[in-house]
């Protein structure tokens, strides 16, 4: 069964925009721009107020903002393979070891991948 409606929290909207716009750093929060007009139409006995949404986006947030989303956690910079290989070879000292070097690099990549996918507890 398909839903006719999809509701997102303000933080889920911020996360989606961070990923869509390829933002990798900073704290961000939801920003909604409204347009407000007051009027008194001839056929309406009371004055009226019209509120429309001009735009929805994100803006930089303060560290104290309880709704702030950290882009570094949501959309981290992708690590290049060359950087991983260099880190692994320096860490193990096995850059001349042939097959051992390949195993070390594989282990390093596996550990980095697992660490980046681990859930982070909110404090």
PDB file of N, CA and C in Angstrom:
ATOM      1  N   UNK A   1       0.848  -1.173   0.000  1.00  0.00           N
ATOM      2  CA  UNK A   1       0.000   0.000   0.000  1.00  0.00           C
ATOM      3  C   UNK A   1       0.898   1.241   0.000  1.00  0.00           C
ATOM      4  N   UNK A   2       0.614   2.162  -0.853  1.00  0.00           N
ATOM      5  CA  UNK A   2       1.397   3.400  -0.919  1.00  0.00           C
ATOM      6  C   UNK A   2       0.752   4.475  -0.074  1.00  0.00           C
ATOM      7  N   UNK A   3       1.593   5.346   0.450  1.00  0.00           N
ATOM      8  CA  UNK A   3       1.095   6.461   1.244  1.00  0.00           C
ATOM      9  C   UNK A   3       0.855   7.660   0.345  1.00  0.00           C
ATOM     10  N   UNK A   4      -0.137   8.437   0.686  1.00  0.00           N
ATOM     11  CA  UNK A   4      -0.425   9.666  -0.045  1.00  0.00           C
ATOM     12  C   UNK A   4       0.293  10.861   0.558  1.00  0.00           C
ATOM     13  N   UNK A   5       0.979  10.628   1.668  1.00  0.00           N
ATOM     14  CA  UNK A   5       1.623  11.723   2.374  1.00  0.00           C
ATOM     15  C   UNK A   5       2.924  11.234   2.994  1.00  0.00           C
ATOM     16  N   UNK A   6       3.912  12.083   2.964  1.00  0.00           N
ATOM     17  CA  UNK A   6       5.196  11.775   3.593  1.00  0.00           C
ATOM     18  C   UNK A   6       5.580  12.971   4.456  1.00  0.00           C
ATOM     19  N   UNK A   7       5.642  12.767   5.745  1.00  0.00           N
ATOM     20  CA  UNK A   7       5.951  13.851   6.664  1.00  0.00           C
ATOM     21  C   UNK A   7       7.359  13.659   7.210  1.00  0.00           C
ATOM     22  N   UNK A   8       8.154  14.727   7.171  1.00  0.00           N
ATOM     23  CA  UNK A   8       9.520  14.690   7.672  1.00  0.00           C
ATOM     24  C   UNK A   8       9.663  15.675   8.819  1.00  0.00           C
ATOM     25  N   UNK A   9      10.514  15.335   9.759  1.00  0.00           N
ATOM     26  CA  UNK A   9      10.813  16.280  10.833  1.00  0.00           C
ATOM     27  C   UNK A   9      11.724  17.371  10.279  1.00  0.00           C
ATOM     28  N   UNK A  10      11.873  18.453  11.039  1.00  0.00           N
ATOM     29  CA  UNK A  10      12.739  19.526  10.553  1.00  0.00           C
ATOM     30  C   UNK A  10      14.177  19.040  10.380  1.00  0.00           C
ATOM     31  N   UNK A  11      14.654  18.154  11.247  1.00  0.00           N
ATOM     32  CA  UNK A  11      16.018  17.638  11.121  1.00  0.00           C
ATOM     33  C   UNK A  11      16.162  16.712   9.912  1.00  0.00           C
ATOM     34  N   UNK A  12      15.135  15.961   9.578  1.00  0.00           N
ATOM     35  CA  UNK A  12      15.191  15.108   8.390  1.00  0.00           C
ATOM     36  C   UNK A  12      15.252  15.943   7.117  1.00  0.00           C
ATOM     37  N   UNK A  13      14.551  17.077   7.093  1.00  0.00           N
ATOM     38  CA  UNK A  13      14.615  17.981   5.942  1.00  0.00           C
ATOM     39  C   UNK A  13      16.024  18.556   5.813  1.00  0.00           C
ATOM     40  N   UNK A  14      16.609  18.961   6.935  1.00  0.00           N
ATOM     41  CA  UNK A  14      17.969  19.506   6.918  1.00  0.00           C
ATOM     42  C   UNK A  14      18.954  18.446   6.424  1.00  0.00           C
ATOM     43  N   UNK A  15      18.824  17.219   6.897  1.00  0.00           N
ATOM     44  CA  UNK A  15      19.710  16.131   6.454  1.00  0.00           C
ATOM     45  C   UNK A  15      19.588  15.905   4.952  1.00  0.00           C
ATOM     46  N   UNK A  16      18.367  15.911   4.441  1.00  0.00           N
ATOM     47  CA  UNK A  16      18.159  15.693   3.006  1.00  0.00           C
ATOM     48  C   UNK A  16      18.800  16.797   2.178  1.00  0.00           C
ATOM     49  N   UNK A  17      18.688  18.040   2.631  1.00  0.00           N
ATOM     50  CA  UNK A  17      19.293  19.153   1.893  1.00  0.00           C
ATOM     51  C   UNK A  17      20.814  19.084   1.970  1.00  0.00           C
ATOM     52  N   UNK A  18      21.356  18.723   3.127  1.00  0.00           N
ATOM     53  CA  UNK A  18      22.815  18.588   3.278  1.00  0.00           C
ATOM     54  C   UNK A  18      23.348  17.572   2.284  1.00  0.00           C
ATOM     55  N   UNK A  19      22.685  16.440   2.175  1.00  0.00           N
ATOM     56  CA  UNK A  19      23.137  15.395   1.250  1.00  0.00           C
ATOM     57  C   UNK A  19      22.939  15.841  -0.196  1.00  0.00           C
ATOM     58  N   UNK A  20      21.790  16.449  -0.500  1.00  0.00           N
ATOM     59  CA  UNK A  20      21.501  16.878  -1.866  1.00  0.00           C
ATOM     60  C   UNK A  20      22.484  17.951  -2.341  1.00  0.00           C
ATOM     61  N   UNK A  21      22.825  18.890  -1.464  1.00  0.00           N
ATOM     62  CA  UNK A  21      23.711  19.993  -1.843  1.00  0.00           C
ATOM     63  C   UNK A  21      25.188  19.660  -1.629  1.00  0.00           C
ATOM     64  N   UNK A  22      25.485  18.426  -1.199  1.00  0.00           N
ATOM     65  CA  UNK A  22      26.855  17.939  -1.014  1.00  0.00           C
ATOM     66  C   UNK A  22      27.643  18.820  -0.042  1.00  0.00           C
ATOM     67  N   UNK A  23      27.026  19.113   1.096  1.00  0.00           N
ATOM     68  CA  UNK A  23      27.661  19.903   2.152  1.00  0.00           C
ATOM     69  C   UNK A  23      28.336  18.932   3.112  1.00  0.00           C
ATOM     70  N   UNK A  24      29.600  19.210   3.473  1.00  0.00           N
ATOM     71  CA  UNK A  24      30.366  18.274   4.288  1.00  0.00           C
ATOM     72  C   UNK A  24      30.778  18.820   5.649  1.00  0.00           C
ATOM     73  N   UNK A  25      30.517  20.073   5.935  1.00  0.00           N
ATOM     74  CA  UNK A  25      30.961  20.602   7.224  1.00  0.00           C
ATOM     75  C   UNK A  25      30.025  21.688   7.730  1.00  0.00           C
ATOM     76  N   UNK A  26      30.063  21.879   9.032  1.00  0.00           N
ATOM     77  CA  UNK A  26      29.275  22.936   9.660  1.00  0.00           C
ATOM     78  C   UNK A  26      27.999  22.425  10.293  1.00  0.00           C
ATOM     79  N   UNK A  27      27.455  23.240  11.180  1.00  0.00           N
ATOM     80  CA  UNK A  27      26.168  22.961  11.811  1.00  0.00           C
ATOM     81  C   UNK A  27      25.098  23.716  11.043  1.00  0.00           C
ATOM     82  N   UNK A  28      23.980  23.047  10.765  1.00  0.00           N
ATOM     83  CA  UNK A  28      22.917  23.624   9.943  1.00  0.00           C
ATOM     84  C   UNK A  28      21.567  23.417  10.608  1.00  0.00           C
ATOM     85  N   UNK A  29      20.657  24.343  10.346  1.00  0.00           N
ATOM     86  CA  UNK A  29      19.297  24.253  10.862  1.00  0.00           C
ATOM     87  C   UNK A  29      18.317  24.694   9.773  1.00  0.00           C
ATOM     88  N   UNK A  30      17.053  24.394   9.972  1.00  0.00           N
ATOM     89  CA  UNK A  30      16.022  24.704   8.986  1.00  0.00           C
ATOM     90  C   UNK A  30      15.750  26.207   8.938  1.00  0.00           C
ATOM     91  N   UNK A  31      15.532  26.720   7.733  1.00  0.00           N
ATOM     92  CA  UNK A  31      15.222  28.127   7.519  1.00  0.00           C
ATOM     93  C   UNK A  31      14.000  28.200   6.601  1.00  0.00           C
ATOM     94  N   UNK A  32      12.928  28.833   7.091  1.00  0.00           N
ATOM     95  CA  UNK A  32      11.706  28.990   6.297  1.00  0.00           C
ATOM     96  C   UNK A  32      11.425  30.482   6.165  1.00  0.00           C
ATOM     97  N   UNK A  33      11.288  30.958   4.928  1.00  0.00           N
ATOM     98  CA  UNK A  33      10.981  32.365   4.661  1.00  0.00           C
ATOM     99  C   UNK A  33       9.497  32.506   4.344  1.00  0.00           C
ATOM    100  N   UNK A  34       8.836  33.381   5.089  1.00  0.00           N
ATOM    101  CA  UNK A  34       7.407  33.598   4.921  1.00  0.00           C
ATOM    102  C   UNK A  34       7.141  34.955   4.261  1.00  0.00           C
ATOM    103  N   UNK A  35       6.013  35.053   3.581  1.00  0.00           N
ATOM    104  CA  UNK A  35       5.511  36.314   3.050  1.00  0.00           C
ATOM    105  C   UNK A  35       4.162  36.552   3.728  1.00  0.00           C
ATOM    106  N   UNK A  36       4.002  37.716   4.362  1.00  0.00           N
ATOM    107  CA  UNK A  36       2.787  38.018   5.103  1.00  0.00           C
ATOM    108  C   UNK A  36       2.140  39.262   4.497  1.00  0.00           C
ATOM    109  N   UNK A  37       0.825  39.175   4.214  1.00  0.00           N
ATOM    110  CA  UNK A  37       0.081  40.300   3.662  1.00  0.00           C
ATOM    111  C   UNK A  37      -1.218  40.480   4.434  1.00  0.00           C
ATOM    112  N   UNK A  38      -1.477  41.711   4.827  1.00  0.00           N
ATOM    113  CA  UNK A  38      -2.750  42.038   5.473  1.00  0.00           C
ATOM    114  C   UNK A  38      -3.633  42.723   4.438  1.00  0.00           C
ATOM    115  N   UNK A  39      -4.918  42.395   4.463  1.00  0.00           N
ATOM    116  CA  UNK A  39      -5.822  43.010   3.487  1.00  0.00           C
ATOM    117  C   UNK A  39      -7.232  43.098   4.070  1.00  0.00           C
ATOM    118  N   UNK A  40      -8.035  43.880   3.373  1.00  0.00           N
ATOM    119  CA  UNK A  40      -9.441  43.989   3.728  1.00  0.00           C
ATOM    120  C   UNK A  40     -10.212  43.986   2.406  1.00  0.00           C
ATOM    121  N   UNK A  41     -10.729  42.830   2.053  1.00  0.00           N
ATOM    122  CA  UNK A  41     -11.437  42.688   0.783  1.00  0.00           C
ATOM    123  C   UNK A  41     -12.854  43.244   0.918  1.00  0.00           C
ATOM    124  N   UNK A  42     -13.429  43.734  -0.185  1.00  0.00           N
ATOM    125  CA  UNK A  42     -14.779  44.332  -0.131  1.00  0.00           C
ATOM    126  C   UNK A  42     -15.853  43.357   0.340  1.00  0.00           C
ATOM    127  N   UNK A  43     -15.752  42.082  -0.029  1.00  0.00           N
ATOM    128  CA  UNK A  43     -16.807  41.128   0.329  1.00  0.00           C
ATOM    129  C   UNK A  43     -16.539  40.411   1.659  1.00  0.00           C
ATOM    130  N   UNK A  44     -15.385  40.678   2.276  1.00  0.00           N
ATOM    131  CA  UNK A  44     -15.044  40.036   3.545  1.00  0.00           C
ATOM    132  C   UNK A  44     -15.243  41.059   4.658  1.00  0.00           C
ATOM    133  N   UNK A  45     -16.075  40.749   5.656  1.00  0.00           N
ATOM    134  CA  UNK A  45     -16.379  41.759   6.673  1.00  0.00           C
ATOM    135  C   UNK A  45     -15.204  42.090   7.599  1.00  0.00           C
ATOM    136  N   UNK A  46     -14.315  41.154   7.804  1.00  0.00           N
ATOM    137  CA  UNK A  46     -13.198  41.376   8.716  1.00  0.00           C
ATOM    138  C   UNK A  46     -11.880  41.466   7.945  1.00  0.00           C
ATOM    139  N   UNK A  47     -10.920  42.174   8.505  1.00  0.00           N
ATOM    140  CA  UNK A  47      -9.584  42.189   7.878  1.00  0.00           C
ATOM    141  C   UNK A  47      -9.006  40.771   7.852  1.00  0.00           C
ATOM    142  N   UNK A  48      -8.181  40.505   6.865  1.00  0.00           N
ATOM    143  CA  UNK A  48      -7.611  39.157   6.759  1.00  0.00           C
ATOM    144  C   UNK A  48      -6.089  39.236   6.649  1.00  0.00           C
ATOM    145  N   UNK A  49      -5.475  38.138   6.949  1.00  0.00           N
ATOM    146  CA  UNK A  49      -4.023  38.022   6.885  1.00  0.00           C
ATOM    147  C   UNK A  49      -3.696  36.790   6.054  1.00  0.00           C
ATOM    148  N   UNK A  50      -2.863  36.962   5.043  1.00  0.00           N
ATOM    149  CA  UNK A  50      -2.455  35.858   4.189  1.00  0.00           C
ATOM    150  C   UNK A  50      -0.987  35.567   4.441  1.00  0.00           C
ATOM    151  N   UNK A  51      -0.672  34.330   4.756  1.00  0.00           N
ATOM    152  CA  UNK A  51       0.713  33.915   5.008  1.00  0.00           C
ATOM    153  C   UNK A  51       1.066  32.846   3.980  1.00  0.00           C
ATOM    154  N   UNK A  52       2.119  33.102   3.224  1.00  0.00           N
ATOM    155  CA  UNK A  52       2.599  32.122   2.247  1.00  0.00           C
ATOM    156  C   UNK A  52       4.063  31.827   2.521  1.00  0.00           C
ATOM    157  N   UNK A  53       4.507  30.674   2.090  1.00  0.00           N
ATOM    158  CA  UNK A  53       5.912  30.288   2.243  1.00  0.00           C
ATOM    159  C   UNK A  53       6.650  30.674   0.973  1.00  0.00           C
ATOM    160  N   UNK A  54       7.657  31.524   1.119  1.00  0.00           N
ATOM    161  CA  UNK A  54       8.469  31.958  -0.024  1.00  0.00           C
ATOM    162  C   UNK A  54       9.571  30.950  -0.337  1.00  0.00           C
ATOM    163  N   UNK A  55      10.096  30.296   0.696  1.00  0.00           N
ATOM    164  CA  UNK A  55      11.177  29.347   0.463  1.00  0.00           C
ATOM    165  C   UNK A  55      11.518  28.554   1.710  1.00  0.00           C
ATOM    166  N   UNK A  56      12.056  27.364   1.485  1.00  0.00           N
ATOM    167  CA  UNK A  56      12.510  26.494   2.568  1.00  0.00           C
ATOM    168  C   UNK A  56      13.944  26.109   2.256  1.00  0.00           C
ATOM    169  N   UNK A  57      14.803  26.234   3.241  1.00  0.00           N
ATOM    170  CA  UNK A  57      16.207  25.895   3.036  1.00  0.00           C
ATOM    171  C   UNK A  57      16.887  25.661   4.364  1.00  0.00           C
ATOM    172  N   UNK A  58      18.210  25.769   4.369  1.00  0.00           N
ATOM    173  CA  UNK A  58      18.976  25.609   5.594  1.00  0.00           C
ATOM    174  C   UNK A  58      19.899  26.807   5.765  1.00  0.00           C
ATOM    175  N   UNK A  59      20.303  27.032   7.005  1.00  0.00           N
ATOM    176  CA  UNK A  59      21.247  28.105   7.303  1.00  0.00           C
ATOM    177  C   UNK A  59      22.181  27.617   8.404  1.00  0.00           C
ATOM    178  N   UNK A  60      23.324  28.281   8.522  1.00  0.00           N
ATOM    179  CA  UNK A  60      24.291  27.929   9.562  1.00  0.00           C
ATOM    180  C   UNK A  60      23.640  28.070  10.932  1.00  0.00           C
ATOM    181  N   UNK A  61      23.991  27.175  11.838  1.00  0.00           N
ATOM    182  CA  UNK A  61      23.412  27.179  13.175  1.00  0.00           C
ATOM    183  C   UNK A  61      24.498  27.363  14.224  1.00  0.00           C
ATOM    184  N   UNK A  62      24.083  27.817  15.381  1.00  0.00           N
ATOM    185  CA  UNK A  62      24.990  27.930  16.513  1.00  0.00           C
ATOM    186  C   UNK A  62      25.150  26.574  17.180  1.00  0.00           C
ATOM    187  N   UNK A  63      26.231  26.411  17.896  1.00  0.00           N
ATOM    188  CA  UNK A  63      26.505  25.160  18.595  1.00  0.00           C
ATOM    189  C   UNK A  63      25.432  24.859  19.641  1.00  0.00           C
ATOM    190  N   UNK A  64      24.812  25.896  20.174  1.00  0.00           N
ATOM    191  CA  UNK A  64      23.793  25.723  21.217  1.00  0.00           C
ATOM    192  C   UNK A  64      22.405  25.417  20.669  1.00  0.00           C
ATOM    193  N   UNK A  65      22.226  25.456  19.355  1.00  0.00           N
ATOM    194  CA  UNK A  65      20.919  25.199  18.743  1.00  0.00           C
ATOM    195  C   UNK A  65      20.545  23.722  18.918  1.00  0.00           C
ATOM    196  N   UNK A  66      19.425  23.428  19.601  1.00  0.00           N
ATOM    197  CA  UNK A  66      19.061  22.020  19.825  1.00  0.00           C
ATOM    198  C   UNK A  66      18.641  21.292  18.545  1.00  0.00           C
ATOM    199  N   UNK A  67      18.309  22.028  17.497  1.00  0.00           N
ATOM    200  CA  UNK A  67      17.887  21.407  16.242  1.00  0.00           C
ATOM    201  C   UNK A  67      19.002  21.366  15.199  1.00  0.00           C
ATOM    202  N   UNK A  68      20.202  21.769  15.577  1.00  0.00           N
ATOM    203  CA  UNK A  68      21.324  21.816  14.635  1.00  0.00           C
ATOM    204  C   UNK A  68      21.726  20.409  14.196  1.00  0.00           C
ATOM    205  N   UNK A  69      22.074  20.299  12.917  1.00  0.00           N
ATOM    206  CA  UNK A  69      22.525  19.037  12.336  1.00  0.00           C
ATOM    207  C   UNK A  69      23.960  19.234  11.874  1.00  0.00           C
ATOM    208  N   UNK A  70      24.847  18.317  12.259  1.00  0.00           N
ATOM    209  CA  UNK A  70      26.256  18.400  11.889  1.00  0.00           C
ATOM    210  C   UNK A  70      26.464  17.716  10.536  1.00  0.00           C
ATOM    211  N   UNK A  71      26.828  18.495   9.541  1.00  0.00           N
ATOM    212  CA  UNK A  71      27.010  17.960   8.189  1.00  0.00           C
ATOM    213  C   UNK A  71      28.152  16.958   8.121  1.00  0.00           C
ATOM    214  N   UNK A  72      29.158  17.096   8.969  1.00  0.00           N
ATOM    215  CA  UNK A  72      30.286  16.166   8.959  1.00  0.00           C
ATOM    216  C   UNK A  72      29.854  14.757   9.361  1.00  0.00           C
ATOM    217  N   UNK A  73      28.817  14.648  10.170  1.00  0.00           N
ATOM    218  CA  UNK A  73      28.312  13.332  10.565  1.00  0.00           C
ATOM    219  C   UNK A  73      27.337  12.773   9.539  1.00  0.00           C
ATOM    220  N   UNK A  74      26.546  13.641   8.938  1.00  0.00           N
ATOM    221  CA  UNK A  74      25.522  13.213   7.990  1.00  0.00           C
ATOM    222  C   UNK A  74      26.115  12.901   6.622  1.00  0.00           C
ATOM    223  N   UNK A  75      27.035  13.743   6.167  1.00  0.00           N
ATOM    224  CA  UNK A  75      27.594  13.618   4.813  1.00  0.00           C
ATOM    225  C   UNK A  75      29.112  13.837   4.863  1.00  0.00           C
ATOM    226  N   UNK A  76      29.857  12.859   5.424  1.00  0.00           N
ATOM    227  CA  UNK A  76      31.306  13.046   5.550  1.00  0.00           C
ATOM    228  C   UNK A  76      31.983  13.104   4.181  1.00  0.00           C
ATOM    229  N   UNK A  77      33.161  13.747   4.164  1.00  0.00           N
ATOM    230  CA  UNK A  77      33.952  13.788   2.929  1.00  0.00           C
ATOM    231  C   UNK A  77      34.282  12.364   2.510  1.00  0.00           C
ATOM    232  N   UNK A  78      34.112  12.037   1.242  1.00  0.00           N
ATOM    233  CA  UNK A  78      34.520  10.701   0.786  1.00  0.00           C
ATOM    234  C   UNK A  78      36.040  10.607   0.797  1.00  0.00           C
ATOM    235  N   UNK A  79      36.555   9.512   1.315  1.00  0.00           N
ATOM    236  CA  UNK A  79      38.002   9.323   1.351  1.00  0.00           C
ATOM    237  C   UNK A  79      38.446   8.718   0.035  1.00  0.00           C
ATOM    238  N   UNK A  80      39.505   9.270  -0.488  1.00  0.00           N
ATOM    239  CA  UNK A  80      40.049   8.728  -1.730  1.00  0.00           C
ATOM    240  C   UNK A  80      40.841   7.469  -1.424  1.00  0.00           C
ATOM    241  N   UNK A  81      40.885   6.546  -2.369  1.00  0.00           N
ATOM    242  CA  UNK A  81      41.587   5.280  -2.199  1.00  0.00           C
ATOM    243  C   UNK A  81      43.072   5.533  -1.991  1.00  0.00           C
ATOM    244  N   UNK A  82      43.646   6.515  -2.685  1.00  0.00           N
ATOM    245  CA  UNK A  82      45.077   6.787  -2.541  1.00  0.00           C
ATOM    246  C   UNK A  82      45.416   7.180  -1.111  1.00  0.00           C
ATOM    247  N   UNK A  83      44.557   7.988  -0.471  1.00  0.00           N
ATOM    248  CA  UNK A  83      44.802   8.387   0.907  1.00  0.00           C
ATOM    249  C   UNK A  83      44.769   7.181   1.825  1.00  0.00           C
ATOM    250  N   UNK A  84      43.813   6.286   1.611  1.00  0.00           N
ATOM    251  CA  UNK A  84      43.693   5.096   2.427  1.00  0.00           C
ATOM    252  C   UNK A  84      44.916   4.209   2.281  1.00  0.00           C
ATOM    253  N   UNK A  85      45.390   4.046   1.056  1.00  0.00           N
ATOM    254  CA  UNK A  85      46.569   3.222   0.811  1.00  0.00           C
ATOM    255  C   UNK A  85      47.785   3.835   1.482  1.00  0.00           C
ATOM    256  N   UNK A  86      47.948   5.138   1.389  1.00  0.00           N
ATOM    257  CA  UNK A  86      49.090   5.795   2.014  1.00  0.00           C
ATOM    258  C   UNK A  86      49.032   5.646   3.527  1.00  0.00           C
ATOM    259  N   UNK A  87      47.855   5.844   4.114  1.00  0.00           N
ATOM    260  CA  UNK A  87      47.723   5.711   5.558  1.00  0.00           C
ATOM    261  C   UNK A  87      48.032   4.290   5.985  1.00  0.00           C
ATOM    262  N   UNK A  88      47.518   3.314   5.263  1.00  0.00           N
ATOM    263  CA  UNK A  88      47.743   1.915   5.613  1.00  0.00           C
ATOM    264  C   UNK A  88      49.212   1.542   5.486  1.00  0.00           C
ATOM    265  N   UNK A  89      49.874   1.999   4.443  1.00  0.00           N
ATOM    266  CA  UNK A  89      51.272   1.633   4.256  1.00  0.00           C
ATOM    267  C   UNK A  89      52.162   2.302   5.287  1.00  0.00           C
ATOM    268  N   UNK A  90      51.845   3.523   5.658  1.00  0.00           N
ATOM    269  CA  UNK A  90      52.641   4.200   6.684  1.00  0.00           C
ATOM    270  C   UNK A  90      52.401   3.551   8.040  1.00  0.00           C
ATOM    271  N   UNK A  91      51.141   3.213   8.319  1.00  0.00           N
ATOM    272  CA  UNK A  91      50.812   2.625   9.616  1.00  0.00           C
ATOM    273  C   UNK A  91      51.439   1.254   9.796  1.00  0.00           C
ATOM    274  N   UNK A  92      51.449   0.454   8.763  1.00  0.00           N
ATOM    275  CA  UNK A  92      51.959  -0.911   8.902  1.00  0.00           C
ATOM    276  C   UNK A  92      53.423  -1.033   8.514  1.00  0.00           C
ATOM    277  N   UNK A  93      53.936  -0.060   7.800  1.00  0.00           N
ATOM    278  CA  UNK A  93      55.331  -0.134   7.345  1.00  0.00           C
ATOM    279  C   UNK A  93      55.551  -1.235   6.327  1.00  0.00           C
ATOM    280  N   UNK A  94      54.497  -1.679   5.662  1.00  0.00           N
ATOM    281  CA  UNK A  94      54.611  -2.829   4.771  1.00  0.00           C
ATOM    282  C   UNK A  94      54.456  -2.441   3.305  1.00  0.00           C
ATOM    283  N   UNK A  95      54.857  -1.227   2.952  1.00  0.00           N
ATOM    284  CA  UNK A  95      54.652  -0.796   1.573  1.00  0.00           C
ATOM    285  C   UNK A  95      55.507  -1.584   0.582  1.00  0.00           C
ATOM    286  N   UNK A  96      56.480  -2.332   1.054  1.00  0.00           N
ATOM    287  CA  UNK A  96      57.282  -3.172   0.153  1.00  0.00           C
ATOM    288  C   UNK A  96      56.908  -4.647   0.279  1.00  0.00           C
ATOM    289  N   UNK A  97      55.867  -4.979   1.030  1.00  0.00           N
ATOM    290  CA  UNK A  97      55.579  -6.365   1.360  1.00  0.00           C
ATOM    291  C   UNK A  97      54.673  -7.102   0.412  1.00  0.00           C
ATOM    292  N   UNK A  98      54.293  -6.558  -0.717  1.00  0.00           N
ATOM    293  CA  UNK A  98      53.478  -7.280  -1.698  1.00  0.00           C
ATOM    294  C   UNK A  98      52.118  -7.661  -1.163  1.00  0.00           C
ATOM    295  N   UNK A  99      51.871  -8.971  -1.036  1.00  0.00           N
ATOM    296  CA  UNK A  99      50.564  -9.486  -0.640  1.00  0.00           C
ATOM    297  C   UNK A  99      50.185  -9.032   0.769  1.00  0.00           C
ATOM    298  N   UNK A 100      51.148  -8.955   1.668  1.00  0.00           N
ATOM    299  CA  UNK A 100      50.864  -8.485   3.026  1.00  0.00           C
ATOM    300  C   UNK A 100      50.339  -7.049   2.985  1.00  0.00           C
ATOM    301  N   UNK A 101      50.916  -6.253   2.105  1.00  0.00           N
ATOM    302  CA  UNK A 101      50.471  -4.865   1.932  1.00  0.00           C
ATOM    303  C   UNK A 101      49.005  -4.839   1.517  1.00  0.00           C
ATOM    304  N   UNK A 102      48.617  -5.688   0.583  1.00  0.00           N
ATOM    305  CA  UNK A 102      47.223  -5.735   0.122  1.00  0.00           C
ATOM    306  C   UNK A 102      46.288  -6.112   1.260  1.00  0.00           C
ATOM    307  N   UNK A 103      46.699  -7.096   2.088  1.00  0.00           N
ATOM    308  CA  UNK A 103      45.858  -7.487   3.226  1.00  0.00           C
ATOM    309  C   UNK A 103      45.721  -6.336   4.224  1.00  0.00           C
ATOM    310  N   UNK A 104      46.829  -5.638   4.474  1.00  0.00           N
ATOM    311  CA  UNK A 104      46.798  -4.519   5.412  1.00  0.00           C
ATOM    312  C   UNK A 104      45.874  -3.409   4.914  1.00  0.00           C
ATOM    313  N   UNK A 105      45.958  -3.109   3.630  1.00  0.00           N
ATOM    314  CA  UNK A 105      45.097  -2.074   3.058  1.00  0.00           C
ATOM    315  C   UNK A 105      43.643  -2.504   3.154  1.00  0.00           C
ATOM    316  N   UNK A 106      43.357  -3.762   2.831  1.00  0.00           N
ATOM    317  CA  UNK A 106      41.986  -4.264   2.903  1.00  0.00           C
ATOM    318  C   UNK A 106      41.450  -4.148   4.330  1.00  0.00           C
ATOM    319  N   UNK A 107      42.246  -4.545   5.315  1.00  0.00           N
ATOM    320  CA  UNK A 107      41.822  -4.458   6.713  1.00  0.00           C
ATOM    321  C   UNK A 107      41.564  -3.006   7.099  1.00  0.00           C
ATOM    322  N   UNK A 108      42.445  -2.114   6.673  1.00  0.00           N
ATOM    323  CA  UNK A 108      42.300  -0.704   7.008  1.00  0.00           C
ATOM    324  C   UNK A 108      41.007  -0.140   6.407  1.00  0.00           C
ATOM    325  N   UNK A 109      40.733  -0.458   5.157  1.00  0.00           N
ATOM    326  CA  UNK A 109      39.513   0.014   4.500  1.00  0.00           C
ATOM    327  C   UNK A 109      38.287  -0.568   5.190  1.00  0.00           C
ATOM    328  N   UNK A 110      38.339  -1.845   5.562  1.00  0.00           N
ATOM    329  CA  UNK A 110      37.210  -2.482   6.226  1.00  0.00           C
ATOM    330  C   UNK A 110      36.944  -1.828   7.580  1.00  0.00           C
ATOM    331  N   UNK A 111      37.990  -1.521   8.327  1.00  0.00           N
ATOM    332  CA  UNK A 111      37.834  -0.885   9.633  1.00  0.00           C
ATOM    333  C   UNK A 111      37.279   0.526   9.463  1.00  0.00           C
ATOM    334  N   UNK A 112      37.793   1.277   8.472  1.00  0.00           N
ATOM    335  CA  UNK A 112      37.303   2.636   8.241  1.00  0.00           C
ATOM    336  C   UNK A 112      35.834   2.615   7.818  1.00  0.00           C
ATOM    337  N   UNK A 113      35.463   1.664   6.973  1.00  0.00           N
ATOM    338  CA  UNK A 113      34.075   1.571   6.518  1.00  0.00           C
ATOM    339  C   UNK A 113      33.147   1.244   7.681  1.00  0.00           C
ATOM    340  N   UNK A 114      33.567   0.311   8.525  1.00  0.00           N
ATOM    341  CA  UNK A 114      32.745  -0.064   9.668  1.00  0.00           C
ATOM    342  C   UNK A 114      32.608   1.089  10.650  1.00  0.00           C
ATOM    343  N   UNK A 115      33.688   1.831  10.831  1.00  0.00           N
ATOM    344  CA  UNK A 115      33.653   2.976  11.759  1.00  0.00           C
ATOM    345  C   UNK A 115      32.741   4.076  11.245  1.00  0.00           C
ATOM    346  N   UNK A 116      32.727   4.298   9.938  1.00  0.00           N
ATOM    347  CA  UNK A 116      31.889   5.367   9.399  1.00  0.00           C
ATOM    348  C   UNK A 116      30.419   4.997   9.396  1.00  0.00           C
ATOM    349  N   UNK A 117      30.091   3.709   9.445  1.00  0.00           N
ATOM    350  CA  UNK A 117      28.700   3.272   9.432  1.00  0.00           C
ATOM    351  C   UNK A 117      28.155   3.029  10.830  1.00  0.00           C
ATOM    352  N   UNK A 118      29.014   3.103  11.847  1.00  0.00           N
ATOM    353  CA  UNK A 118      28.570   2.851  13.214  1.00  0.00           C
ATOM    354  C   UNK A 118      27.606   3.936  13.665  1.00  0.00           C
ATOM    355  N   UNK A 119      26.521   3.573  14.329  1.00  0.00           N
ATOM    356  CA  UNK A 119      25.581   4.585  14.796  1.00  0.00           C
ATOM    357  C   UNK A 119      26.213   5.438  15.876  1.00  0.00           C
ATOM    358  N   UNK A 120      25.856   6.710  15.871  1.00  0.00           N
ATOM    359  CA  UNK A 120      26.414   7.664  16.828  1.00  0.00           C
ATOM    360  C   UNK A 120      25.300   8.026  17.797  1.00  0.00           C
ATOM    361  N   UNK A 121      25.584   7.879  19.087  1.00  0.00           N
ATOM    362  CA  UNK A 121      24.580   8.194  20.097  1.00  0.00           C
ATOM    363  C   UNK A 121      24.527   9.697  20.305  1.00  0.00           C
ATOM    364  N   UNK A 122      23.316  10.230  20.326  1.00  0.00           N
ATOM    365  CA  UNK A 122      23.140  11.668  20.586  1.00  0.00           C
ATOM    366  C   UNK A 122      23.233  11.892  22.089  1.00  0.00           C
ATOM    367  N   UNK A 123      23.929  12.946  22.458  1.00  0.00           N
ATOM    368  CA  UNK A 123      24.075  13.226  23.894  1.00  0.00           C
ATOM    369  C   UNK A 123      23.032  14.193  24.363  1.00  0.00           C
TER     370      UNK A 123
END
